[in-house]
Amino acid sequence: MTNWRKSSYSGDSNNCVEVGHGVGIRDSKAPSTHLSVSSEAWSAFLKVVQSQ
């Protein structure tokens, strides 16, 4: 994974989730580990979150 970024809603906080190009998810407090997800799974997740 490369190009990790965190939500603009996180501000200067280090207590956040980051998203990586590839697609991956990691905790900013434990950046050495990450969860890889497919593009399809990530798109489905975003649809659910945006519908809330």
Protein backbone atom coordinates (compact mmCIF):
# COMPACT_ATOMS: atom_id res chain seq x y z
CA MET A 1 0.00 0.00 0.00
CA THR A 2 1.13 3.51 -0.70
CA ASN A 3 -0.31 6.99 -0.55
CA TRP A 4 -2.00 6.62 2.84
CA ARG A 5 -4.34 9.44 3.83
CA LYS A 6 -6.67 10.18 6.68
CA SER A 7 -10.04 11.85 6.67
CA SER A 8 -10.12 15.64 6.67
CA TYR A 9 -12.52 15.28 9.62
CA SER A 10 -9.64 13.93 11.73
CA GLY A 11 -7.88 17.29 11.88
CA ASP A 12 -4.57 17.06 13.73
CA SER A 13 -5.66 13.98 15.67
CA ASN A 14 -3.57 10.82 15.51
CA ASN A 15 -6.58 8.78 16.60
CA CYS A 16 -8.01 7.97 13.19
CA VAL A 17 -8.35 5.45 10.41
CA GLU A 18 -6.31 5.93 7.22
CA VAL A 19 -7.13 4.74 3.72
CA GLY A 20 -4.49 3.66 1.24
CA HIS A 21 -4.44 3.46 -2.53
CA GLY A 22 -4.63 -0.18 -3.35
CA VAL A 23 -7.22 -0.49 -1.34
CA GLY A 24 -6.23 -0.76 2.30
CA ILE A 25 -7.27 0.41 5.74
CA ARG A 26 -5.05 0.94 8.77
CA ASP A 27 -5.10 2.49 12.23
CA SER A 28 -2.90 5.58 12.41
CA LYS A 29 -1.60 4.38 15.81
CA ALA A 30 -0.43 1.07 14.28
CA PRO A 31 0.62 1.94 10.71
CA SER A 32 2.84 -1.11 10.22
CA THR A 33 -0.23 -3.34 9.81
CA HIS A 34 -3.13 -2.92 7.43
CA LEU A 35 -6.23 -4.65 6.12
CA SER A 36 -6.39 -5.14 2.35
CA VAL A 37 -9.85 -4.98 0.80
CA SER A 38 -11.04 -5.30 -2.78
CA SER A 39 -12.23 -2.26 -4.71
CA GLU A 40 -15.70 -3.80 -4.81
CA ALA A 41 -15.82 -4.26 -1.03
CA TRP A 42 -14.60 -0.68 -0.47
CA SER A 43 -17.26 0.70 -2.85
CA ALA A 44 -19.97 -1.29 -1.06
CA PHE A 45 -18.74 0.00 2.32
CA LEU A 46 -18.83 3.61 1.08
CA LYS A 47 -22.39 3.20 -0.24
CA VAL A 48 -23.57 1.96 3.16
CA VAL A 49 -21.79 4.75 5.05
CA GLN A 50 -23.07 7.46 2.70
CA SER A 51 -26.66 6.21 2.99
CA GLN A 52 -26.65 6.72 6.78
